[in-house]
């Protein structure tokens, strides 16, 4: 997928509304953090080791920014350590409830009929 075309999605599928909302929220938060740190776009892009165009795409909520570039930008803002904690499954109710159970080696499709023929 070309990186220079904003809003392009694989196979022409648009992002679902919850994903679009999350993109917009992340974009708004990055802009706010950048301004709280009194950084210009050029300064933040330079500190993160990304192009200004990449930062601009992220701040516009376009969605074509790689996870690595997002993490580089969050690192430059001093926020990188928050990401692993936010994704830690054992920090959730379901994770804590199931923390004593061993994780399966593989996850198989469950039968929707309840007859075990799935």
PDB file of N, CA and C in Angstrom:
ATOM      1  N   UNK A   1       0.861  -1.176   0.000  1.00  0.00           N
ATOM      2  CA  UNK A   1       0.000   0.000   0.000  1.00  0.00           C
ATOM      3  C   UNK A   1       0.903   1.233   0.000  1.00  0.00           C
ATOM      4  N   UNK A   2       0.720   2.152  -0.929  1.00  0.00           N
ATOM      5  CA  UNK A   2       1.552   3.355  -0.971  1.00  0.00           C
ATOM      6  C   UNK A   2       1.353   4.185   0.279  1.00  0.00           C
ATOM      7  N   UNK A   3       2.459   4.774   0.759  1.00  0.00           N
ATOM      8  CA  UNK A   3       2.384   5.560   1.996  1.00  0.00           C
ATOM      9  C   UNK A   3       2.023   7.017   1.730  1.00  0.00           C
ATOM     10  N   UNK A   4       1.990   7.439   0.485  1.00  0.00           N
ATOM     11  CA  UNK A   4       1.759   8.850   0.198  1.00  0.00           C
ATOM     12  C   UNK A   4       0.313   9.171  -0.134  1.00  0.00           C
ATOM     13  N   UNK A   5      -0.593   8.225   0.024  1.00  0.00           N
ATOM     14  CA  UNK A   5      -1.994   8.473  -0.274  1.00  0.00           C
ATOM     15  C   UNK A   5      -2.792   8.381   1.015  1.00  0.00           C
ATOM     16  N   UNK A   6      -3.186   9.533   1.605  1.00  0.00           N
ATOM     17  CA  UNK A   6      -3.944   9.494   2.851  1.00  0.00           C
ATOM     18  C   UNK A   6      -5.298   8.816   2.668  1.00  0.00           C
ATOM     19  N   UNK A   7      -5.767   8.198   3.718  1.00  0.00           N
ATOM     20  CA  UNK A   7      -7.091   7.583   3.779  1.00  0.00           C
ATOM     21  C   UNK A   7      -7.280   6.389   2.860  1.00  0.00           C
ATOM     22  N   UNK A   8      -6.216   5.899   2.210  1.00  0.00           N
ATOM     23  CA  UNK A   8      -6.371   4.713   1.383  1.00  0.00           C
ATOM     24  C   UNK A   8      -6.442   3.502   2.291  1.00  0.00           C
ATOM     25  N   UNK A   9      -7.372   2.610   2.055  1.00  0.00           N
ATOM     26  CA  UNK A   9      -7.551   1.411   2.867  1.00  0.00           C
ATOM     27  C   UNK A   9      -7.340   0.186   1.989  1.00  0.00           C
ATOM     28  N   UNK A  10      -6.940  -0.915   2.602  1.00  0.00           N
ATOM     29  CA  UNK A  10      -6.787  -2.166   1.871  1.00  0.00           C
ATOM     30  C   UNK A  10      -8.100  -2.567   1.252  1.00  0.00           C
ATOM     31  N   UNK A  11      -8.014  -3.022   0.018  1.00  0.00           N
ATOM     32  CA  UNK A  11      -9.167  -3.537  -0.711  1.00  0.00           C
ATOM     33  C   UNK A  11     -10.329  -2.546  -0.709  1.00  0.00           C
ATOM     34  N   UNK A  12     -10.026  -1.275  -0.553  1.00  0.00           N
ATOM     35  CA  UNK A  12     -11.071  -0.253  -0.618  1.00  0.00           C
ATOM     36  C   UNK A  12     -12.029  -0.246   0.556  1.00  0.00           C
ATOM     37  N   UNK A  13     -11.697  -0.971   1.620  1.00  0.00           N
ATOM     38  CA  UNK A  13     -12.597  -1.021   2.779  1.00  0.00           C
ATOM     39  C   UNK A  13     -12.331   0.161   3.694  1.00  0.00           C
ATOM     40  N   UNK A  14     -13.348   0.959   3.958  1.00  0.00           N
ATOM     41  CA  UNK A  14     -13.152   2.077   4.888  1.00  0.00           C
ATOM     42  C   UNK A  14     -13.036   1.561   6.319  1.00  0.00           C
ATOM     43  N   UNK A  15     -12.365   2.333   7.141  1.00  0.00           N
ATOM     44  CA  UNK A  15     -12.240   1.968   8.554  1.00  0.00           C
ATOM     45  C   UNK A  15     -13.618   2.033   9.210  1.00  0.00           C
ATOM     46  N   UNK A  16     -13.920   1.090  10.113  1.00  0.00           N
ATOM     47  CA  UNK A  16     -15.202   1.132  10.834  1.00  0.00           C
ATOM     48  C   UNK A  16     -15.288   2.392  11.700  1.00  0.00           C
ATOM     49  N   UNK A  17     -16.496   2.866  11.973  1.00  0.00           N
ATOM     50  CA  UNK A  17     -16.658   4.085  12.775  1.00  0.00           C
ATOM     51  C   UNK A  17     -15.889   4.091  14.101  1.00  0.00           C
ATOM     52  N   UNK A  18     -15.868   2.998  14.880  1.00  0.00           N
ATOM     53  CA  UNK A  18     -15.092   3.060  16.131  1.00  0.00           C
ATOM     54  C   UNK A  18     -13.599   3.286  15.879  1.00  0.00           C
ATOM     55  N   UNK A  19     -13.085   2.742  14.788  1.00  0.00           N
ATOM     56  CA  UNK A  19     -11.674   2.938  14.454  1.00  0.00           C
ATOM     57  C   UNK A  19     -11.450   4.383  14.034  1.00  0.00           C
ATOM     58  N   UNK A  20     -12.348   4.936  13.252  1.00  0.00           N
ATOM     59  CA  UNK A  20     -12.230   6.346  12.841  1.00  0.00           C
ATOM     60  C   UNK A  20     -12.269   7.270  14.058  1.00  0.00           C
ATOM     61  N   UNK A  21     -13.148   6.959  15.025  1.00  0.00           N
ATOM     62  CA  UNK A  21     -13.226   7.779  16.250  1.00  0.00           C
ATOM     63  C   UNK A  21     -11.925   7.683  17.040  1.00  0.00           C
ATOM     64  N   UNK A  22     -11.365   6.476  17.134  1.00  0.00           N
ATOM     65  CA  UNK A  22     -10.107   6.299  17.857  1.00  0.00           C
ATOM     66  C   UNK A  22      -8.973   7.042  17.148  1.00  0.00           C
ATOM     67  N   UNK A  23      -8.936   6.985  15.827  1.00  0.00           N
ATOM     68  CA  UNK A  23      -7.927   7.726  15.061  1.00  0.00           C
ATOM     69  C   UNK A  23      -8.026   9.217  15.365  1.00  0.00           C
ATOM     70  N   UNK A  24      -9.238   9.730  15.373  1.00  0.00           N
ATOM     71  CA  UNK A  24      -9.442  11.156  15.643  1.00  0.00           C
ATOM     72  C   UNK A  24      -9.017  11.503  17.065  1.00  0.00           C
ATOM     73  N   UNK A  25      -9.333  10.641  18.035  1.00  0.00           N
ATOM     74  CA  UNK A  25      -8.968  10.903  19.428  1.00  0.00           C
ATOM     75  C   UNK A  25      -7.453  10.873  19.606  1.00  0.00           C
ATOM     76  N   UNK A  26      -6.798   9.875  19.015  1.00  0.00           N
ATOM     77  CA  UNK A  26      -5.337   9.798  19.094  1.00  0.00           C
ATOM     78  C   UNK A  26      -4.727  11.034  18.441  1.00  0.00           C
ATOM     79  N   UNK A  27      -5.247  11.420  17.296  1.00  0.00           N
ATOM     80  CA  UNK A  27      -4.747  12.607  16.589  1.00  0.00           C
ATOM     81  C   UNK A  27      -4.871  13.845  17.475  1.00  0.00           C
ATOM     82  N   UNK A  28      -6.048  14.037  18.050  1.00  0.00           N
ATOM     83  CA  UNK A  28      -6.265  15.203  18.915  1.00  0.00           C
ATOM     84  C   UNK A  28      -5.339  15.182  20.131  1.00  0.00           C
ATOM     85  N   UNK A  29      -5.142  13.985  20.708  1.00  0.00           N
ATOM     86  CA  UNK A  29      -4.285  13.872  21.881  1.00  0.00           C
ATOM     87  C   UNK A  29      -2.824  14.154  21.539  1.00  0.00           C
ATOM     88  N   UNK A  30      -2.357  13.676  20.384  1.00  0.00           N
ATOM     89  CA  UNK A  30      -0.978  13.945  19.976  1.00  0.00           C
ATOM     90  C   UNK A  30      -0.782  15.450  19.782  1.00  0.00           C
ATOM     91  N   UNK A  31      -1.742  16.107  19.145  1.00  0.00           N
ATOM     92  CA  UNK A  31      -1.648  17.561  18.952  1.00  0.00           C
ATOM     93  C   UNK A  31      -1.590  18.265  20.310  1.00  0.00           C
ATOM     94  N   UNK A  32      -2.463  17.862  21.227  1.00  0.00           N
ATOM     95  CA  UNK A  32      -2.488  18.489  22.554  1.00  0.00           C
ATOM     96  C   UNK A  32      -1.173  18.276  23.283  1.00  0.00           C
ATOM     97  N   UNK A  33      -0.660  17.034  23.279  1.00  0.00           N
ATOM     98  CA  UNK A  33       0.619  16.767  23.935  1.00  0.00           C
ATOM     99  C   UNK A  33       1.752  17.563  23.297  1.00  0.00           C
ATOM    100  N   UNK A  34       1.747  17.659  21.963  1.00  0.00           N
ATOM    101  CA  UNK A  34       2.788  18.431  21.278  1.00  0.00           C
ATOM    102  C   UNK A  34       2.751  19.878  21.734  1.00  0.00           C
ATOM    103  N   UNK A  35       1.562  20.442  21.822  1.00  0.00           N
ATOM    104  CA  UNK A  35       1.422  21.840  22.232  1.00  0.00           C
ATOM    105  C   UNK A  35       1.761  22.024  23.714  1.00  0.00           C
ATOM    106  N   UNK A  36       1.371  21.058  24.557  1.00  0.00           N
ATOM    107  CA  UNK A  36       1.742  21.125  25.976  1.00  0.00           C
ATOM    108  C   UNK A  36       3.255  21.101  26.152  1.00  0.00           C
ATOM    109  N   UNK A  37       3.942  20.402  25.276  1.00  0.00           N
ATOM    110  CA  UNK A  37       5.412  20.333  25.309  1.00  0.00           C
ATOM    111  C   UNK A  37       6.054  21.500  24.560  1.00  0.00           C
ATOM    112  N   UNK A  38       5.214  22.406  24.036  1.00  0.00           N
ATOM    113  CA  UNK A  38       5.679  23.604  23.311  1.00  0.00           C
ATOM    114  C   UNK A  38       6.598  23.240  22.137  1.00  0.00           C
ATOM    115  N   UNK A  39       6.178  22.209  21.378  1.00  0.00           N
ATOM    116  CA  UNK A  39       6.946  21.765  20.224  1.00  0.00           C
ATOM    117  C   UNK A  39       6.212  22.094  18.934  1.00  0.00           C
ATOM    118  N   UNK A  40       6.951  22.509  17.931  1.00  0.00           N
ATOM    119  CA  UNK A  40       6.366  22.676  16.599  1.00  0.00           C
ATOM    120  C   UNK A  40       6.273  21.289  15.963  1.00  0.00           C
ATOM    121  N   UNK A  41       5.523  21.191  14.882  1.00  0.00           N
ATOM    122  CA  UNK A  41       5.461  19.924  14.152  1.00  0.00           C
ATOM    123  C   UNK A  41       6.851  19.520  13.675  1.00  0.00           C
ATOM    124  N   UNK A  42       7.606  20.472  13.170  1.00  0.00           N
ATOM    125  CA  UNK A  42       8.952  20.175  12.670  1.00  0.00           C
ATOM    126  C   UNK A  42       9.850  19.665  13.794  1.00  0.00           C
ATOM    127  N   UNK A  43       9.762  20.275  14.970  1.00  0.00           N
ATOM    128  CA  UNK A  43      10.588  19.831  16.097  1.00  0.00           C
ATOM    129  C   UNK A  43      10.220  18.418  16.535  1.00  0.00           C
ATOM    130  N   UNK A  44       8.916  18.147  16.660  1.00  0.00           N
ATOM    131  CA  UNK A  44       8.488  16.819  17.088  1.00  0.00           C
ATOM    132  C   UNK A  44       8.869  15.771  16.051  1.00  0.00           C
ATOM    133  N   UNK A  45       8.650  16.062  14.793  1.00  0.00           N
ATOM    134  CA  UNK A  45       9.010  15.120  13.731  1.00  0.00           C
ATOM    135  C   UNK A  45      10.501  14.818  13.782  1.00  0.00           C
ATOM    136  N   UNK A  46      11.314  15.846  13.968  1.00  0.00           N
ATOM    137  CA  UNK A  46      12.765  15.664  14.035  1.00  0.00           C
ATOM    138  C   UNK A  46      13.148  14.808  15.238  1.00  0.00           C
ATOM    139  N   UNK A  47      12.585  15.094  16.397  1.00  0.00           N
ATOM    140  CA  UNK A  47      12.888  14.319  17.610  1.00  0.00           C
ATOM    141  C   UNK A  47      12.440  12.868  17.478  1.00  0.00           C
ATOM    142  N   UNK A  48      11.344  12.653  16.748  1.00  0.00           N
ATOM    143  CA  UNK A  48      10.808  11.302  16.583  1.00  0.00           C
ATOM    144  C   UNK A  48      11.502  10.542  15.454  1.00  0.00           C
ATOM    145  N   UNK A  49      12.221  11.252  14.601  1.00  0.00           N
ATOM    146  CA  UNK A  49      12.867  10.595  13.475  1.00  0.00           C
ATOM    147  C   UNK A  49      11.896  10.212  12.377  1.00  0.00           C
ATOM    148  N   UNK A  50      10.850  11.010  12.225  1.00  0.00           N
ATOM    149  CA  UNK A  50       9.868  10.790  11.160  1.00  0.00           C
ATOM    150  C   UNK A  50       9.771  12.069  10.336  1.00  0.00           C
ATOM    151  N   UNK A  51       9.175  11.956   9.177  1.00  0.00           N
ATOM    152  CA  UNK A  51       8.997  13.151   8.355  1.00  0.00           C
ATOM    153  C   UNK A  51       7.866  14.001   8.927  1.00  0.00           C
ATOM    154  N   UNK A  52       7.902  15.280   8.594  1.00  0.00           N
ATOM    155  CA  UNK A  52       6.816  16.167   9.021  1.00  0.00           C
ATOM    156  C   UNK A  52       5.504  15.718   8.384  1.00  0.00           C
ATOM    157  N   UNK A  53       5.578  15.193   7.156  1.00  0.00           N
ATOM    158  CA  UNK A  53       4.373  14.705   6.477  1.00  0.00           C
ATOM    159  C   UNK A  53       3.741  13.540   7.248  1.00  0.00           C
ATOM    160  N   UNK A  54       4.572  12.665   7.814  1.00  0.00           N
ATOM    161  CA  UNK A  54       4.060  11.549   8.620  1.00  0.00           C
ATOM    162  C   UNK A  54       3.363  12.069   9.866  1.00  0.00           C
ATOM    163  N   UNK A  55       4.001  13.016  10.544  1.00  0.00           N
ATOM    164  CA  UNK A  55       3.385  13.607  11.728  1.00  0.00           C
ATOM    165  C   UNK A  55       2.076  14.293  11.365  1.00  0.00           C
ATOM    166  N   UNK A  56       2.068  14.994  10.252  1.00  0.00           N
ATOM    167  CA  UNK A  56       0.858  15.683   9.795  1.00  0.00           C
ATOM    168  C   UNK A  56      -0.269  14.683   9.534  1.00  0.00           C
ATOM    169  N   UNK A  57       0.061  13.545   8.897  1.00  0.00           N
ATOM    170  CA  UNK A  57      -0.968  12.517   8.662  1.00  0.00           C
ATOM    171  C   UNK A  57      -1.528  12.008   9.985  1.00  0.00           C
ATOM    172  N   UNK A  58      -0.645  11.781  10.960  1.00  0.00           N
ATOM    173  CA  UNK A  58      -1.112  11.321  12.268  1.00  0.00           C
ATOM    174  C   UNK A  58      -1.998  12.372  12.922  1.00  0.00           C
ATOM    175  N   UNK A  59      -1.536  13.614  12.922  1.00  0.00           N
ATOM    176  CA  UNK A  59      -2.306  14.686  13.565  1.00  0.00           C
ATOM    177  C   UNK A  59      -3.627  14.970  12.849  1.00  0.00           C
ATOM    178  N   UNK A  60      -3.728  14.593  11.578  1.00  0.00           N
ATOM    179  CA  UNK A  60      -4.983  14.760  10.841  1.00  0.00           C
ATOM    180  C   UNK A  60      -5.911  13.561  10.987  1.00  0.00           C
ATOM    181  N   UNK A  61      -5.415  12.509  11.662  1.00  0.00           N
ATOM    182  CA  UNK A  61      -6.242  11.319  11.853  1.00  0.00           C
ATOM    183  C   UNK A  61      -6.432  10.518  10.587  1.00  0.00           C
ATOM    184  N   UNK A  62      -5.480  10.632   9.647  1.00  0.00           N
ATOM    185  CA  UNK A  62      -5.623   9.948   8.366  1.00  0.00           C
ATOM    186  C   UNK A  62      -5.480   8.436   8.472  1.00  0.00           C
ATOM    187  N   UNK A  63      -4.739   7.934   9.423  1.00  0.00           N
ATOM    188  CA  UNK A  63      -4.696   6.508   9.655  1.00  0.00           C
ATOM    189  C   UNK A  63      -3.631   5.728   8.915  1.00  0.00           C
ATOM    190  N   UNK A  64      -2.914   6.311   7.987  1.00  0.00           N
ATOM    191  CA  UNK A  64      -1.919   5.561   7.241  1.00  0.00           C
ATOM    192  C   UNK A  64      -0.553   5.536   7.892  1.00  0.00           C
ATOM    193  N   UNK A  65      -0.454   5.896   9.152  1.00  0.00           N
ATOM    194  CA  UNK A  65       0.827   5.951   9.857  1.00  0.00           C
ATOM    195  C   UNK A  65       1.113   4.580  10.467  1.00  0.00           C
ATOM    196  N   UNK A  66       2.346   4.098  10.278  1.00  0.00           N
ATOM    197  CA  UNK A  66       2.695   2.781  10.820  1.00  0.00           C
ATOM    198  C   UNK A  66       2.717   2.821  12.351  1.00  0.00           C
ATOM    199  N   UNK A  67       2.575   1.650  12.941  1.00  0.00           N
ATOM    200  CA  UNK A  67       2.648   1.552  14.400  1.00  0.00           C
ATOM    201  C   UNK A  67       4.018   2.000  14.875  1.00  0.00           C
ATOM    202  N   UNK A  68       5.058   1.634  14.139  1.00  0.00           N
ATOM    203  CA  UNK A  68       6.404   2.045  14.537  1.00  0.00           C
ATOM    204  C   UNK A  68       6.519   3.563  14.578  1.00  0.00           C
ATOM    205  N   UNK A  69       5.994   4.243  13.572  1.00  0.00           N
ATOM    206  CA  UNK A  69       6.079   5.706  13.563  1.00  0.00           C
ATOM    207  C   UNK A  69       5.237   6.325  14.669  1.00  0.00           C
ATOM    208  N   UNK A  70       4.080   5.743  14.946  1.00  0.00           N
ATOM    209  CA  UNK A  70       3.276   6.221  16.075  1.00  0.00           C
ATOM    210  C   UNK A  70       4.074   6.079  17.368  1.00  0.00           C
ATOM    211  N   UNK A  71       4.714   4.934  17.562  1.00  0.00           N
ATOM    212  CA  UNK A  71       5.489   4.717  18.786  1.00  0.00           C
ATOM    213  C   UNK A  71       6.690   5.656  18.854  1.00  0.00           C
ATOM    214  N   UNK A  72       7.304   5.955  17.726  1.00  0.00           N
ATOM    215  CA  UNK A  72       8.414   6.912  17.704  1.00  0.00           C
ATOM    216  C   UNK A  72       7.931   8.296  18.164  1.00  0.00           C
ATOM    217  N   UNK A  73       6.771   8.688  17.682  1.00  0.00           N
ATOM    218  CA  UNK A  73       6.209   9.991  18.046  1.00  0.00           C
ATOM    219  C   UNK A  73       5.843  10.010  19.529  1.00  0.00           C
ATOM    220  N   UNK A  74       5.233   8.937  20.016  1.00  0.00           N
ATOM    221  CA  UNK A  74       4.888   8.870  21.435  1.00  0.00           C
ATOM    222  C   UNK A  74       6.137   8.889  22.307  1.00  0.00           C
ATOM    223  N   UNK A  75       7.209   8.238  21.846  1.00  0.00           N
ATOM    224  CA  UNK A  75       8.477   8.273  22.583  1.00  0.00           C
ATOM    225  C   UNK A  75       8.999   9.697  22.668  1.00  0.00           C
ATOM    226  N   UNK A  76       8.946  10.413  21.554  1.00  0.00           N
ATOM    227  CA  UNK A  76       9.441  11.790  21.529  1.00  0.00           C
ATOM    228  C   UNK A  76       8.617  12.698  22.443  1.00  0.00           C
ATOM    229  N   UNK A  77       7.363  12.325  22.671  1.00  0.00           N
ATOM    230  CA  UNK A  77       6.503  13.092  23.580  1.00  0.00           C
ATOM    231  C   UNK A  77       6.617  12.629  25.027  1.00  0.00           C
ATOM    232  N   UNK A  78       7.400  11.574  25.268  1.00  0.00           N
ATOM    233  CA  UNK A  78       7.542  11.046  26.622  1.00  0.00           C
ATOM    234  C   UNK A  78       6.399  10.160  27.049  1.00  0.00           C
ATOM    235  N   UNK A  79       5.676   9.579  26.092  1.00  0.00           N
ATOM    236  CA  UNK A  79       4.485   8.795  26.400  1.00  0.00           C
ATOM    237  C   UNK A  79       4.623   7.308  26.098  1.00  0.00           C
ATOM    238  N   UNK A  80       5.753   6.889  25.587  1.00  0.00           N
ATOM    239  CA  UNK A  80       5.903   5.505  25.125  1.00  0.00           C
ATOM    240  C   UNK A  80       5.637   4.488  26.222  1.00  0.00           C
ATOM    241  N   UNK A  81       6.071   4.747  27.441  1.00  0.00           N
ATOM    242  CA  UNK A  81       5.873   3.784  28.527  1.00  0.00           C
ATOM    243  C   UNK A  81       4.405   3.544  28.846  1.00  0.00           C
ATOM    244  N   UNK A  82       3.538   4.463  28.466  1.00  0.00           N
ATOM    245  CA  UNK A  82       2.106   4.300  28.729  1.00  0.00           C
ATOM    246  C   UNK A  82       1.470   3.245  27.832  1.00  0.00           C
ATOM    247  N   UNK A  83       2.028   3.007  26.657  1.00  0.00           N
ATOM    248  CA  UNK A  83       1.397   2.107  25.690  1.00  0.00           C
ATOM    249  C   UNK A  83       1.386   0.660  26.179  1.00  0.00           C
ATOM    250  N   UNK A  84       2.532   0.079  26.559  1.00  0.00           N
ATOM    251  CA  UNK A  84       2.467  -1.308  27.040  1.00  0.00           C
ATOM    252  C   UNK A  84       1.546  -1.483  28.244  1.00  0.00           C
ATOM    253  N   UNK A  85       1.534  -0.516  29.140  1.00  0.00           N
ATOM    254  CA  UNK A  85       0.631  -0.610  30.299  1.00  0.00           C
ATOM    255  C   UNK A  85      -0.825  -0.572  29.860  1.00  0.00           C
ATOM    256  N   UNK A  86      -1.133   0.266  28.875  1.00  0.00           N
ATOM    257  CA  UNK A  86      -2.516   0.369  28.401  1.00  0.00           C
ATOM    258  C   UNK A  86      -2.974  -0.922  27.723  1.00  0.00           C
ATOM    259  N   UNK A  87      -2.045  -1.662  27.139  1.00  0.00           N
ATOM    260  CA  UNK A  87      -2.389  -2.890  26.430  1.00  0.00           C
ATOM    261  C   UNK A  87      -2.242  -4.152  27.275  1.00  0.00           C
ATOM    262  N   UNK A  88      -1.795  -4.014  28.509  1.00  0.00           N
ATOM    263  CA  UNK A  88      -1.575  -5.168  29.369  1.00  0.00           C
ATOM    264  C   UNK A  88      -2.904  -5.858  29.673  1.00  0.00           C
ATOM    265  N   UNK A  89      -3.089  -7.093  29.180  1.00  0.00           N
ATOM    266  CA  UNK A  89      -4.383  -7.759  29.399  1.00  0.00           C
ATOM    267  C   UNK A  89      -4.680  -8.034  30.869  1.00  0.00           C
ATOM    268  N   UNK A  90      -3.629  -8.145  31.701  1.00  0.00           N
ATOM    269  CA  UNK A  90      -3.848  -8.443  33.114  1.00  0.00           C
ATOM    270  C   UNK A  90      -4.200  -7.201  33.928  1.00  0.00           C
ATOM    271  N   UNK A  91      -4.284  -6.067  33.272  1.00  0.00           N
ATOM    272  CA  UNK A  91      -4.766  -4.849  33.918  1.00  0.00           C
ATOM    273  C   UNK A  91      -6.263  -4.654  33.688  1.00  0.00           C
ATOM    274  N   UNK A  92      -6.914  -5.626  33.032  1.00  0.00           N
ATOM    275  CA  UNK A  92      -8.351  -5.555  32.773  1.00  0.00           C
ATOM    276  C   UNK A  92      -9.079  -6.530  33.703  1.00  0.00           C
ATOM    277  N   UNK A  93     -10.378  -6.336  33.852  1.00  0.00           N
ATOM    278  CA  UNK A  93     -11.171  -7.236  34.689  1.00  0.00           C
ATOM    279  C   UNK A  93     -11.086  -8.672  34.188  1.00  0.00           C
ATOM    280  N   UNK A  94     -11.273  -8.876  32.887  1.00  0.00           N
ATOM    281  CA  UNK A  94     -11.246 -10.241  32.346  1.00  0.00           C
ATOM    282  C   UNK A  94      -9.855 -10.853  32.483  1.00  0.00           C
ATOM    283  N   UNK A  95      -8.833 -10.063  32.305  1.00  0.00           N
ATOM    284  CA  UNK A  95      -7.472 -10.560  32.468  1.00  0.00           C
ATOM    285  C   UNK A  95      -7.190 -10.988  33.891  1.00  0.00           C
ATOM    286  N   UNK A  96      -7.646 -10.197  34.845  1.00  0.00           N
ATOM    287  CA  UNK A  96      -7.439 -10.558  36.253  1.00  0.00           C
ATOM    288  C   UNK A  96      -8.251 -11.801  36.628  1.00  0.00           C
ATOM    289  N   UNK A  97      -9.477 -11.902  36.109  1.00  0.00           N
ATOM    290  CA  UNK A  97     -10.309 -13.066  36.400  1.00  0.00           C
ATOM    291  C   UNK A  97      -9.702 -14.351  35.854  1.00  0.00           C
ATOM    292  N   UNK A  98      -9.045 -14.261  34.705  1.00  0.00           N
ATOM    293  CA  UNK A  98      -8.506 -15.454  34.051  1.00  0.00           C
ATOM    294  C   UNK A  98      -6.998 -15.604  34.229  1.00  0.00           C
ATOM    295  N   UNK A  99      -6.406 -14.830  35.118  1.00  0.00           N
ATOM    296  CA  UNK A  99      -4.952 -14.822  35.261  1.00  0.00           C
ATOM    297  C   UNK A  99      -4.384 -16.146  35.770  1.00  0.00           C
ATOM    298  N   UNK A 100      -5.187 -16.937  36.459  1.00  0.00           N
ATOM    299  CA  UNK A 100      -4.710 -18.230  36.958  1.00  0.00           C
ATOM    300  C   UNK A 100      -4.808 -19.335  35.915  1.00  0.00           C
ATOM    301  N   UNK A 101      -5.522 -19.082  34.823  1.00  0.00           N
ATOM    302  CA  UNK A 101      -5.689 -20.090  33.775  1.00  0.00           C
ATOM    303  C   UNK A 101      -4.495 -20.049  32.823  1.00  0.00           C
ATOM    304  N   UNK A 102      -4.008 -21.205  32.409  1.00  0.00           N
ATOM    305  CA  UNK A 102      -2.930 -21.189  31.409  1.00  0.00           C
ATOM    306  C   UNK A 102      -3.482 -20.740  30.058  1.00  0.00           C
ATOM    307  N   UNK A 103      -2.682 -19.990  29.318  1.00  0.00           N
ATOM    308  CA  UNK A 103      -3.106 -19.582  27.984  1.00  0.00           C
ATOM    309  C   UNK A 103      -3.004 -20.775  27.040  1.00  0.00           C
ATOM    310  N   UNK A 104      -3.973 -20.945  26.146  1.00  0.00           N
ATOM    311  CA  UNK A 104      -3.886 -22.060  25.201  1.00  0.00           C
ATOM    312  C   UNK A 104      -2.729 -21.839  24.222  1.00  0.00           C
ATOM    313  N   UNK A 105      -2.161 -22.941  23.731  1.00  0.00           N
ATOM    314  CA  UNK A 105      -1.117 -22.840  22.719  1.00  0.00           C
ATOM    315  C   UNK A 105      -1.675 -22.313  21.413  1.00  0.00           C
ATOM    316  N   UNK A 106      -2.890 -22.764  21.088  1.00  0.00           N
ATOM    317  CA  UNK A 106      -3.577 -22.295  19.888  1.00  0.00           C
ATOM    318  C   UNK A 106      -5.033 -22.042  20.241  1.00  0.00           C
ATOM    319  N   UNK A 107      -5.650 -21.136  19.499  1.00  0.00           N
ATOM    320  CA  UNK A 107      -7.068 -20.860  19.685  1.00  0.00           C
ATOM    321  C   UNK A 107      -7.792 -21.433  18.481  1.00  0.00           C
ATOM    322  N   UNK A 108      -8.761 -22.300  18.737  1.00  0.00           N
ATOM    323  CA  UNK A 108      -9.524 -22.928  17.659  1.00  0.00           C
ATOM    324  C   UNK A 108     -10.905 -22.290  17.577  1.00  0.00           C
ATOM    325  N   UNK A 109     -11.476 -22.348  16.404  1.00  0.00           N
ATOM    326  CA  UNK A 109     -12.825 -21.840  16.190  1.00  0.00           C
ATOM    327  C   UNK A 109     -13.801 -22.658  17.011  1.00  0.00           C
ATOM    328  N   UNK A 110     -14.682 -21.956  17.689  1.00  0.00           N
ATOM    329  CA  UNK A 110     -15.696 -22.644  18.487  1.00  0.00           C
ATOM    330  C   UNK A 110     -16.912 -22.921  17.620  1.00  0.00           C
ATOM    331  N   UNK A 111     -17.580 -24.011  17.902  1.00  0.00           N
ATOM    332  CA  UNK A 111     -18.796 -24.353  17.190  1.00  0.00           C
ATOM    333  C   UNK A 111     -19.913 -23.410  17.624  1.00  0.00           C
ATOM    334  N   UNK A 112     -20.618 -22.869  16.654  1.00  0.00           N
ATOM    335  CA  UNK A 112     -21.743 -21.997  16.964  1.00  0.00           C
ATOM    336  C   UNK A 112     -23.008 -22.789  17.240  1.00  0.00           C
ATOM    337  N   UNK A 113     -23.013 -24.091  16.863  1.00  0.00           N
ATOM    338  CA  UNK A 113     -24.201 -24.914  17.062  1.00  0.00           C
ATOM    339  C   UNK A 113     -24.205 -25.612  18.405  1.00  0.00           C
ATOM    340  N   UNK A 114     -23.027 -25.673  19.067  1.00  0.00           N
ATOM    341  CA  UNK A 114     -22.957 -26.362  20.348  1.00  0.00           C
ATOM    342  C   UNK A 114     -22.843 -27.864  20.211  1.00  0.00           C
ATOM    343  N   UNK A 115     -22.734 -28.383  18.945  1.00  0.00           N
ATOM    344  CA  UNK A 115     -22.670 -29.829  18.735  1.00  0.00           C
ATOM    345  C   UNK A 115     -21.239 -30.316  18.519  1.00  0.00           C
ATOM    346  N   UNK A 116     -20.257 -29.388  18.530  1.00  0.00           N
ATOM    347  CA  UNK A 116     -18.881 -29.793  18.358  1.00  0.00           C
ATOM    348  C   UNK A 116     -18.503 -30.116  16.931  1.00  0.00           C
ATOM    349  N   UNK A 117     -19.320 -29.711  15.948  1.00  0.00           N
ATOM    350  CA  UNK A 117     -19.019 -30.031  14.554  1.00  0.00           C
ATOM    351  C   UNK A 117     -18.477 -28.828  13.797  1.00  0.00           C
ATOM    352  N   UNK A 118     -17.897 -27.818  14.512  1.00  0.00           N
ATOM    353  CA  UNK A 118     -17.455 -26.597  13.876  1.00  0.00           C
ATOM    354  C   UNK A 118     -16.061 -26.641  13.515  1.00  0.00           C
TER     355      UNK A 118
END
